[in-house]
Amino acid sequence: MLDENVGGRLVQAFKTRSAAHAYIVVGERPYLPQLLAQCAQVVMCAANTACGSCESCAKVIHKNHQDVISIPADTVKNRITVADVAYLVDETYKRPVDNSKNRVFLINAADSVSGVGCEIWQNKLLKTLEEPSNGVYIFIAVTDAENLLLTVRSRCQVLKQSKSTFPRASRMALSI
């Protein structure tokens, strides 16, 4: 089920041809990977609806779509590095490789928007956010958009997780 405010609004943006190239996805930490996956599925879906039945949707669901790239690369430390962003920037100039017209970059920044190096990777990303290549979509997931640099926030549309998307009991269980 698509989150109404994240996946639903993204579907609507593609339907009206008003999709932006960069988004900040704000949600609860445990759901950020799922919200990012929804974004990738909408962008890569042949109908931009996250149908779940086309080949592209299946590849995104099974995490083997070559044009969907997740950052950070180090899932153990779960921190974004300058090398991660340098890789992302380089990849944005490449053409899609998996029978697609788009490339999607999913950045789970929940653990990387504060502390040493957080401003460096965000500043490195700015040029790409300002002048994206055609068919490139960047999604930055955070628990609070205010933790991102103002210059990053000003170049992105914001999608906020719906409170009704995930069952109340699940949200309560995760907060205990």
Protein backbone atom coordinates (compact mmCIF):
# COMPACT_ATOMS: atom_id res chain seq x y z
CA MET A 1 0.00 0.00 0.00
CA LEU A 2 1.40 3.38 -1.00
CA ASP A 3 1.74 6.06 1.61
CA GLU A 4 -0.80 8.74 0.68
CA ASN A 5 1.56 11.67 1.20
CA VAL A 6 4.69 10.08 -0.23
CA GLY A 7 3.84 7.53 -2.90
CA GLY A 8 0.39 8.97 -3.57
CA ARG A 9 1.63 12.51 -4.14
CA LEU A 10 4.49 11.26 -6.27
CA VAL A 11 2.06 9.30 -8.48
CA GLN A 12 -0.02 12.47 -8.83
CA ALA A 13 3.07 14.52 -9.73
CA PHE A 14 3.94 12.11 -12.53
CA LYS A 15 0.34 12.03 -13.71
CA THR A 16 0.29 15.83 -14.01
CA ARG A 17 3.86 15.94 -15.35
CA SER A 18 4.95 18.10 -12.43
CA ALA A 19 7.40 15.70 -10.80
CA ALA A 20 10.47 17.36 -9.36
CA HIS A 21 13.95 15.88 -9.70
CA ALA A 22 14.74 15.98 -5.97
CA TYR A 23 12.67 15.20 -2.91
CA ILE A 24 13.12 15.11 0.83
CA VAL A 25 11.12 12.24 2.30
CA VAL A 26 10.29 12.88 5.96
CA GLY A 27 9.11 9.97 8.05
CA GLU A 28 9.58 7.81 11.09
CA ARG A 29 13.00 6.15 11.14
CA PRO A 30 11.82 2.52 10.89
CA TYR A 31 9.70 3.30 7.82
CA LEU A 32 12.21 5.35 5.82
CA PRO A 33 13.54 2.38 3.80
CA GLN A 34 9.97 1.40 2.88
CA LEU A 35 9.09 4.98 1.91
CA LEU A 36 12.21 5.24 -0.25
CA ALA A 37 11.31 1.95 -1.93
CA GLN A 38 7.84 3.34 -2.72
CA CYS A 39 9.42 6.39 -4.34
CA ALA A 40 11.69 4.22 -6.47
CA GLN A 41 8.81 2.01 -7.49
CA VAL A 42 6.68 4.98 -8.60
CA VAL A 43 9.51 6.47 -10.68
CA MET A 44 10.59 3.20 -12.27
CA CYS A 45 7.09 1.76 -12.87
CA ALA A 46 6.12 1.74 -16.54
CA ALA A 47 2.91 3.60 -15.63
CA ASN A 48 4.42 5.65 -12.76
CA THR A 49 1.82 4.16 -10.44
CA ALA A 50 3.84 1.56 -8.50
CA CYS A 51 1.56 -1.09 -10.02
CA GLY A 52 3.60 -3.92 -8.53
CA SER A 53 3.11 -6.12 -11.56
CA CYS A 54 5.37 -4.71 -14.27
CA GLU A 55 8.97 -5.88 -14.71
CA SER A 56 10.41 -2.64 -13.33
CA CYS A 57 8.26 -2.79 -10.20
CA ALA A 58 9.31 -6.38 -9.62
CA LYS A 59 12.99 -5.44 -9.91
CA VAL A 60 12.58 -2.56 -7.46
CA ILE A 61 10.66 -4.76 -5.01
CA HIS A 62 13.38 -7.43 -5.17
CA LYS A 63 16.12 -4.77 -4.90
CA ASN A 64 17.83 -5.73 -8.14
CA HIS A 65 17.02 -2.81 -10.43
CA GLN A 66 20.33 -1.54 -11.80
CA ASP A 67 19.05 2.03 -12.10
CA VAL A 68 18.02 2.30 -8.46
CA ILE A 69 21.04 3.16 -6.36
CA SER A 70 20.95 3.33 -2.56
CA ILE A 71 23.25 5.40 -0.38
CA PRO A 72 24.96 4.94 2.09
CA ALA A 73 26.97 2.09 0.67
CA ASP A 74 28.18 1.03 4.13
CA THR A 75 25.02 -0.41 5.67
CA VAL A 76 26.90 -1.44 8.82
CA LYS A 77 27.89 2.10 9.80
CA ASN A 78 24.83 3.50 7.99
CA ARG A 79 26.54 6.88 7.52
CA ILE A 80 26.84 8.81 4.29
CA THR A 81 30.38 9.60 3.27
CA VAL A 82 31.80 12.08 0.78
CA ALA A 83 32.81 9.06 -1.30
CA ASP A 84 29.15 7.94 -1.40
CA VAL A 85 28.07 11.34 -2.70
CA ALA A 86 30.96 11.50 -5.18
CA TYR A 87 29.80 8.13 -6.54
CA LEU A 88 26.21 9.42 -6.74
CA VAL A 89 27.29 12.57 -8.60
CA ASP A 90 29.31 10.51 -11.09
CA GLU A 91 26.41 8.09 -11.62
CA THR A 92 23.92 10.88 -12.34
CA TYR A 93 25.74 11.59 -15.60
CA LYS A 94 25.37 8.02 -16.83
CA ARG A 95 22.51 6.75 -18.91
CA PRO A 96 20.06 4.20 -17.53
CA VAL A 97 21.17 0.61 -18.05
CA ASP A 98 18.14 -1.50 -17.18
CA ASN A 99 15.67 -0.76 -20.01
CA SER A 100 14.59 2.35 -18.21
CA LYS A 101 14.44 6.03 -19.01
CA ASN A 102 15.18 7.06 -15.40
CA ARG A 103 17.76 6.62 -12.67
CA VAL A 104 16.79 6.84 -9.01
CA PHE A 105 19.08 7.64 -6.10
CA LEU A 106 17.82 6.77 -2.63
CA ILE A 107 19.68 8.46 0.20
CA ASN A 108 18.81 7.30 3.71
CA ALA A 109 20.24 10.25 5.62
CA ALA A 110 18.54 9.59 8.95
CA ASP A 111 21.87 8.87 10.64
CA SER A 112 23.97 11.31 8.60
CA VAL A 113 22.48 14.79 9.03
CA SER A 114 24.38 15.63 12.19
CA GLY A 115 27.91 15.15 13.40
CA VAL A 116 31.27 15.30 11.68
CA GLY A 117 31.10 15.52 7.90
CA CYS A 118 27.36 16.12 7.54
CA GLU A 119 27.75 19.52 5.90
CA ILE A 120 30.49 18.28 3.58
CA TRP A 121 28.41 15.57 1.88
CA GLN A 122 25.39 17.89 1.64
CA ASN A 123 27.45 20.65 0.02
CA LYS A 124 28.94 18.12 -2.42
CA LEU A 125 25.39 17.16 -3.45
CA LEU A 126 24.25 20.76 -4.11
CA LYS A 127 25.45 21.12 -7.71
CA THR A 128 23.65 17.90 -8.67
CA LEU A 129 20.47 19.11 -6.97
CA GLU A 130 20.72 22.44 -8.81
CA GLU A 131 21.44 21.04 -12.27
CA PRO A 132 20.23 17.46 -12.54
CA SER A 133 20.58 15.32 -15.62
CA ASN A 134 17.36 14.37 -17.41
CA GLY A 135 15.66 11.34 -15.93
CA VAL A 136 17.51 11.57 -12.60
CA TYR A 137 15.46 11.51 -9.41
CA ILE A 138 17.00 11.93 -5.97
CA PHE A 139 15.20 11.09 -2.72
CA ILE A 140 16.73 12.06 0.62
CA ALA A 141 15.06 10.37 3.60
CA VAL A 142 15.24 12.00 7.03
CA THR A 143 13.27 12.09 10.25
CA ASP A 144 13.38 15.90 10.34
CA ALA A 145 13.98 18.04 7.24
CA GLU A 146 15.17 20.93 9.42
CA ASN A 147 18.38 18.97 10.06
CA LEU A 148 19.38 19.34 6.41
CA LEU A 149 21.18 22.44 5.19
CA LEU A 150 18.84 25.21 4.06
CA THR A 151 20.48 25.17 0.64
CA VAL A 152 19.63 21.46 0.25
CA ARG A 153 16.05 21.97 1.47
CA SER A 154 15.53 24.86 -0.97
CA ARG A 155 16.30 22.64 -3.95
CA CYS A 156 13.94 19.79 -3.04
CA GLN A 157 10.23 19.15 -2.75
CA VAL A 158 9.16 17.71 0.62
CA LEU A 159 7.04 14.58 1.01
CA LYS A 160 5.93 13.74 4.56
CA GLN A 161 4.84 10.30 5.69
CA SER A 162 1.12 9.97 6.41
CA LYS A 163 0.28 9.10 9.98
CA SER A 164 -2.38 6.68 8.76
CA THR A 165 -0.11 4.63 6.50
CA PHE A 166 1.19 2.26 9.11
CA PRO A 167 -1.01 0.65 11.77
CA ARG A 168 -1.08 2.52 15.06
CA ALA A 169 -0.08 -0.59 17.02
CA SER A 170 3.06 -0.97 14.87
CA ARG A 171 4.07 2.64 15.48
CA MET A 172 3.50 2.27 19.20
CA ALA A 173 5.43 -1.00 19.38
CA LEU A 174 8.42 0.58 17.64
CA SER A 175 8.52 3.50 20.05
CA ILE A 176 8.72 1.31 23.14
